[in-house]
Amino acid sequence: MTTGEPGEDGMTTSGSPAPGRSDQHAHADAIDAFIAAANSTDPEHRAGLLSRALAADVVFHGPLGRGVGRDAVTDFITEVVRSHGTGGGRMVRTTSVDAPHEWARFGWRFETADGDTVLSGTDVVHLTANGDIDEIVVFAGPLRSVHGEGSSREPVG
């Protein structure tokens, strides 16, 4: 493949979406590469996937704090996802990718090898014009009701 021509994954060698590919598909490709990295047990393969999906200076906001750079994401994956007490768990994208322009959100769950859900949430990502994720915000767990479960009070707003 020469520079600028789309490959099997729909991306060009420059990392940008191939002509005719929607932002939605390009965003999903980057997000799915990020999730595949979280599931990889091979550090070299994980690094390659993260290099494909993330900008070098990606900003990562997670439940345990903020980090900058692919190494911060690698550390999060190693410490939280791969080292989770369930052993053999995996991340799964549970929704389509909702991508208005350069922002995207998607649902996910972390499940055991048996498929039992350990944790679920929503991530919001920002993508560059080249299709690289340069910001990730992780929201783990469900949102709590403003008025408590089963409340008959009117919505806020």
C-alpha atoms as a PDB file:
ATOM      1  CA  MET A   1       0.000   0.000   0.000  1.00  0.00           C
ATOM      2  CA  THR A   2       1.313   3.448  -0.815  1.00  0.00           C
ATOM      3  CA  THR A   3       0.925   6.458   1.439  1.00  0.00           C
ATOM      4  CA  GLY A   4      -2.626   7.760   1.455  1.00  0.00           C
ATOM      5  CA  GLU A   5      -4.261   4.558   0.185  1.00  0.00           C
ATOM      6  CA  PRO A   6      -6.690   2.788   2.503  1.00  0.00           C
ATOM      7  CA  GLY A   7      -5.738  -0.544   4.025  1.00  0.00           C
ATOM      8  CA  GLU A   8      -7.992  -3.371   5.158  1.00  0.00           C
ATOM      9  CA  ASP A   9      -8.793  -1.482   8.355  1.00  0.00           C
ATOM     10  CA  GLY A  10     -10.069   1.537   6.381  1.00  0.00           C
ATOM     11  CA  MET A  11      -7.221   3.769   7.519  1.00  0.00           C
ATOM     12  CA  THR A  12      -4.509   5.277   5.358  1.00  0.00           C
ATOM     13  CA  THR A  13      -0.816   4.818   6.082  1.00  0.00           C
ATOM     14  CA  SER A  14      -0.829   8.331   7.525  1.00  0.00           C
ATOM     15  CA  GLY A  15      -3.354   7.219  10.151  1.00  0.00           C
ATOM     16  CA  SER A  16      -6.204   9.341   8.817  1.00  0.00           C
ATOM     17  CA  PRO A  17      -9.566   7.972   7.706  1.00  0.00           C
ATOM     18  CA  ALA A  18      -9.603   6.755   4.136  1.00  0.00           C
ATOM     19  CA  PRO A  19     -11.622   8.828   1.674  1.00  0.00           C
ATOM     20  CA  GLY A  20     -15.278   7.928   1.985  1.00  0.00           C
ATOM     21  CA  ARG A  21     -14.920   6.646   5.566  1.00  0.00           C
ATOM     22  CA  SER A  22     -17.113   8.480   8.031  1.00  0.00           C
ATOM     23  CA  ASP A  23     -15.857   9.981  11.263  1.00  0.00           C
ATOM     24  CA  GLN A  24     -18.083   7.443  13.016  1.00  0.00           C
ATOM     25  CA  HIS A  25     -16.151   4.540  11.477  1.00  0.00           C
ATOM     26  CA  ALA A  26     -12.756   6.154  11.999  1.00  0.00           C
ATOM     27  CA  HIS A  27     -13.618   6.841  15.645  1.00  0.00           C
ATOM     28  CA  ALA A  28     -14.804   3.258  16.112  1.00  0.00           C
ATOM     29  CA  ASP A  29     -11.534   1.970  14.626  1.00  0.00           C
ATOM     30  CA  ALA A  30      -9.451   3.977  17.116  1.00  0.00           C
ATOM     31  CA  ILE A  31     -11.713   3.010  20.026  1.00  0.00           C
ATOM     32  CA  ASP A  32     -11.642  -0.675  19.100  1.00  0.00           C
ATOM     33  CA  ALA A  33      -7.830  -0.591  18.851  1.00  0.00           C
ATOM     34  CA  PHE A  34      -7.746   0.977  22.341  1.00  0.00           C
ATOM     35  CA  ILE A  35     -10.013  -1.788  23.714  1.00  0.00           C
ATOM     36  CA  ALA A  36      -7.948  -4.471  21.948  1.00  0.00           C
ATOM     37  CA  ALA A  37      -4.856  -3.003  23.644  1.00  0.00           C
ATOM     38  CA  ALA A  38      -6.580  -3.292  27.021  1.00  0.00           C
ATOM     39  CA  ASN A  39      -7.229  -6.960  26.290  1.00  0.00           C
ATOM     40  CA  SER A  40      -3.756  -7.787  25.001  1.00  0.00           C
ATOM     41  CA  THR A  41      -1.461  -9.751  27.290  1.00  0.00           C
ATOM     42  CA  ASP A  42       1.539  -9.146  24.993  1.00  0.00           C
ATOM     43  CA  PRO A  43       3.251  -5.840  25.886  1.00  0.00           C
ATOM     44  CA  GLU A  44       4.658  -5.344  22.360  1.00  0.00           C
ATOM     45  CA  HIS A  45       1.296  -5.978  20.708  1.00  0.00           C
ATOM     46  CA  ARG A  46      -0.387  -3.660  23.239  1.00  0.00           C
ATOM     47  CA  ALA A  47       2.155  -0.906  22.490  1.00  0.00           C
ATOM     48  CA  GLY A  48       1.522  -1.264  18.753  1.00  0.00           C
ATOM     49  CA  LEU A  49      -2.245  -0.998  19.216  1.00  0.00           C
ATOM     50  CA  LEU A  50      -1.901   2.035  21.478  1.00  0.00           C
ATOM     51  CA  SER A  51       0.452   3.663  18.983  1.00  0.00           C
ATOM     52  CA  ARG A  52      -2.187   3.146  16.285  1.00  0.00           C
ATOM     53  CA  ALA A  53      -5.066   4.446  18.436  1.00  0.00           C
ATOM     54  CA  LEU A  54      -3.593   7.199  20.614  1.00  0.00           C
ATOM     55  CA  ALA A  55      -1.741  10.443  20.087  1.00  0.00           C
ATOM     56  CA  ALA A  56       1.682  10.356  21.755  1.00  0.00           C
ATOM     57  CA  ASP A  57       0.592  13.081  24.207  1.00  0.00           C
ATOM     58  CA  VAL A  58      -2.838  11.620  24.981  1.00  0.00           C
ATOM     59  CA  VAL A  59      -4.403  12.909  28.196  1.00  0.00           C
ATOM     60  CA  PHE A  60      -6.075  10.146  30.212  1.00  0.00           C
ATOM     61  CA  HIS A  61      -8.618  10.942  32.937  1.00  0.00           C
ATOM     62  CA  GLY A  62      -9.568   7.832  34.890  1.00  0.00           C
ATOM     63  CA  PRO A  63     -11.116   6.935  38.227  1.00  0.00           C
ATOM     64  CA  LEU A  64      -7.660   6.811  39.804  1.00  0.00           C
ATOM     65  CA  GLY A  65      -6.389  10.114  38.434  1.00  0.00           C
ATOM     66  CA  ARG A  66      -4.961  11.834  35.388  1.00  0.00           C
ATOM     67  CA  GLY A  67      -2.005  10.851  33.221  1.00  0.00           C
ATOM     68  CA  VAL A  68      -0.347  12.143  30.069  1.00  0.00           C
ATOM     69  CA  GLY A  69       1.152  10.066  27.268  1.00  0.00           C
ATOM     70  CA  ARG A  70       0.802   6.531  25.981  1.00  0.00           C
ATOM     71  CA  ASP A  71       2.898   5.275  28.907  1.00  0.00           C
ATOM     72  CA  ALA A  72       0.237   6.550  31.338  1.00  0.00           C
ATOM     73  CA  VAL A  73      -2.420   4.587  29.451  1.00  0.00           C
ATOM     74  CA  THR A  74      -0.167   1.523  29.377  1.00  0.00           C
ATOM     75  CA  ASP A  75       0.336   1.828  33.138  1.00  0.00           C
ATOM     76  CA  PHE A  76      -3.427   2.065  33.688  1.00  0.00           C
ATOM     77  CA  ILE A  77      -4.042  -1.010  31.531  1.00  0.00           C
ATOM     78  CA  THR A  78      -1.289  -2.967  33.304  1.00  0.00           C
ATOM     79  CA  GLU A  79      -2.217  -1.955  36.840  1.00  0.00           C
ATOM     80  CA  VAL A  80      -6.000  -1.891  36.642  1.00  0.00           C
ATOM     81  CA  VAL A  81      -7.269  -3.942  33.717  1.00  0.00           C
ATOM     82  CA  ARG A  82      -4.698  -6.730  33.288  1.00  0.00           C
ATOM     83  CA  SER A  83      -3.972  -7.078  37.024  1.00  0.00           C
ATOM     84  CA  HIS A  84      -7.611  -7.160  38.142  1.00  0.00           C
ATOM     85  CA  GLY A  85      -8.351  -9.856  40.702  1.00  0.00           C
ATOM     86  CA  THR A  86     -10.745 -11.699  38.364  1.00  0.00           C
ATOM     87  CA  GLY A  87      -7.861 -12.924  36.178  1.00  0.00           C
ATOM     88  CA  GLY A  88      -8.568 -13.470  32.509  1.00  0.00           C
ATOM     89  CA  GLY A  89     -11.010 -10.578  32.310  1.00  0.00           C
ATOM     90  CA  ARG A  90     -11.590  -8.483  29.233  1.00  0.00           C
ATOM     91  CA  MET A  91     -12.983  -5.144  28.113  1.00  0.00           C
ATOM     92  CA  VAL A  92     -15.964  -5.211  25.755  1.00  0.00           C
ATOM     93  CA  ARG A  93     -17.507  -2.286  23.868  1.00  0.00           C
ATOM     94  CA  THR A  94     -21.250  -2.565  24.592  1.00  0.00           C
ATOM     95  CA  THR A  95     -22.672   0.244  22.455  1.00  0.00           C
ATOM     96  CA  SER A  96     -22.241   1.787  19.077  1.00  0.00           C
ATOM     97  CA  VAL A  97     -19.908   4.777  18.899  1.00  0.00           C
ATOM     98  CA  ASP A  98     -21.777   8.076  19.109  1.00  0.00           C
ATOM     99  CA  ALA A  99     -19.493  10.546  17.343  1.00  0.00           C
ATOM    100  CA  PRO A 100     -20.583  14.136  16.794  1.00  0.00           C
ATOM    101  CA  HIS A 101     -17.570  15.523  14.922  1.00  0.00           C
ATOM    102  CA  GLU A 102     -14.299  15.114  16.855  1.00  0.00           C
ATOM    103  CA  TRP A 103     -15.879  13.810  20.078  1.00  0.00           C
ATOM    104  CA  ALA A 104     -17.108  10.278  20.652  1.00  0.00           C
ATOM    105  CA  ARG A 105     -18.637   8.274  23.474  1.00  0.00           C
ATOM    106  CA  PHE A 106     -19.197   4.586  23.929  1.00  0.00           C
ATOM    107  CA  GLY A 107     -20.317   2.137  26.573  1.00  0.00           C
ATOM    108  CA  TRP A 108     -18.104  -0.649  27.853  1.00  0.00           C
ATOM    109  CA  ARG A 109     -17.955  -3.375  30.437  1.00  0.00           C
ATOM    110  CA  PHE A 110     -15.168  -5.305  32.086  1.00  0.00           C
ATOM    111  CA  GLU A 111     -16.115  -8.954  32.333  1.00  0.00           C
ATOM    112  CA  THR A 112     -14.668 -12.144  33.765  1.00  0.00           C
ATOM    113  CA  ALA A 113     -13.540 -15.032  31.560  1.00  0.00           C
ATOM    114  CA  ASP A 114     -17.022 -16.498  32.183  1.00  0.00           C
ATOM    115  CA  GLY A 115     -18.716 -13.363  30.832  1.00  0.00           C
ATOM    116  CA  ASP A 116     -19.925 -11.996  34.169  1.00  0.00           C
ATOM    117  CA  THR A 117     -19.862  -8.200  34.350  1.00  0.00           C
ATOM    118  CA  VAL A 118     -17.445  -6.792  36.940  1.00  0.00           C
ATOM    119  CA  LEU A 119     -17.840  -3.112  36.061  1.00  0.00           C
ATOM    120  CA  SER A 120     -19.398  -1.077  33.277  1.00  0.00           C
ATOM    121  CA  GLY A 121     -19.251   2.524  32.231  1.00  0.00           C
ATOM    122  CA  THR A 122     -18.955   5.111  29.507  1.00  0.00           C
ATOM    123  CA  ASP A 123     -15.842   6.640  27.988  1.00  0.00           C
ATOM    124  CA  VAL A 124     -15.693   9.956  26.168  1.00  0.00           C
ATOM    125  CA  VAL A 125     -12.818  10.517  23.759  1.00  0.00           C
ATOM    126  CA  HIS A 126     -11.578  13.390  21.637  1.00  0.00           C
ATOM    127  CA  LEU A 127      -9.940  12.617  18.315  1.00  0.00           C
ATOM    128  CA  THR A 128      -7.505  14.625  16.223  1.00  0.00           C
ATOM    129  CA  ALA A 129      -8.026  15.333  12.529  1.00  0.00           C
ATOM    130  CA  ASN A 130      -5.786  12.293  11.865  1.00  0.00           C
ATOM    131  CA  GLY A 131      -8.083  10.022  13.869  1.00  0.00           C
ATOM    132  CA  ASP A 132      -5.822   9.664  16.932  1.00  0.00           C
ATOM    133  CA  ILE A 133      -7.408   9.750  20.374  1.00  0.00           C
ATOM    134  CA  ASP A 134      -5.800  12.666  22.215  1.00  0.00           C
ATOM    135  CA  GLU A 135      -8.052  12.693  25.271  1.00  0.00           C
ATOM    136  CA  ILE A 136      -9.862   9.912  27.146  1.00  0.00           C
ATOM    137  CA  VAL A 137     -12.285  10.414  30.017  1.00  0.00           C
ATOM    138  CA  VAL A 138     -13.376   7.214  31.789  1.00  0.00           C
ATOM    139  CA  PHE A 139     -16.670   7.143  33.687  1.00  0.00           C
ATOM    140  CA  ALA A 140     -16.858   3.867  35.607  1.00  0.00           C
ATOM    141  CA  GLY A 141     -20.128   2.644  37.095  1.00  0.00           C
ATOM    142  CA  PRO A 142     -23.693   3.837  36.690  1.00  0.00           C
ATOM    143  CA  LEU A 143     -24.857   7.384  37.297  1.00  0.00           C
ATOM    144  CA  ARG A 144     -26.804   7.873  40.503  1.00  0.00           C
ATOM    145  CA  SER A 145     -30.290   9.316  40.436  1.00  0.00           C
ATOM    146  CA  VAL A 146     -30.577  12.909  41.627  1.00  0.00           C
ATOM    147  CA  HIS A 147     -33.496  11.997  43.887  1.00  0.00           C
ATOM    148  CA  GLY A 148     -32.645   8.442  44.814  1.00  0.00           C
ATOM    149  CA  GLU A 149     -33.984   5.190  43.494  1.00  0.00           C
ATOM    150  CA  GLY A 150     -37.744   5.022  43.081  1.00  0.00           C
ATOM    151  CA  SER A 151     -38.240   8.733  43.699  1.00  0.00           C
ATOM    152  CA  SER A 152     -41.361  10.359  42.280  1.00  0.00           C
ATOM    153  CA  ARG A 153     -39.892  13.855  42.374  1.00  0.00           C
ATOM    154  CA  GLU A 154     -39.734  15.977  39.250  1.00  0.00           C
ATOM    155  CA  PRO A 155     -36.509  15.948  37.185  1.00  0.00           C
ATOM    156  CA  VAL A 156     -33.887  18.609  37.804  1.00  0.00           C
ATOM    157  CA  GLY A 157     -33.809  21.485  35.333  1.00  0.00           C
END
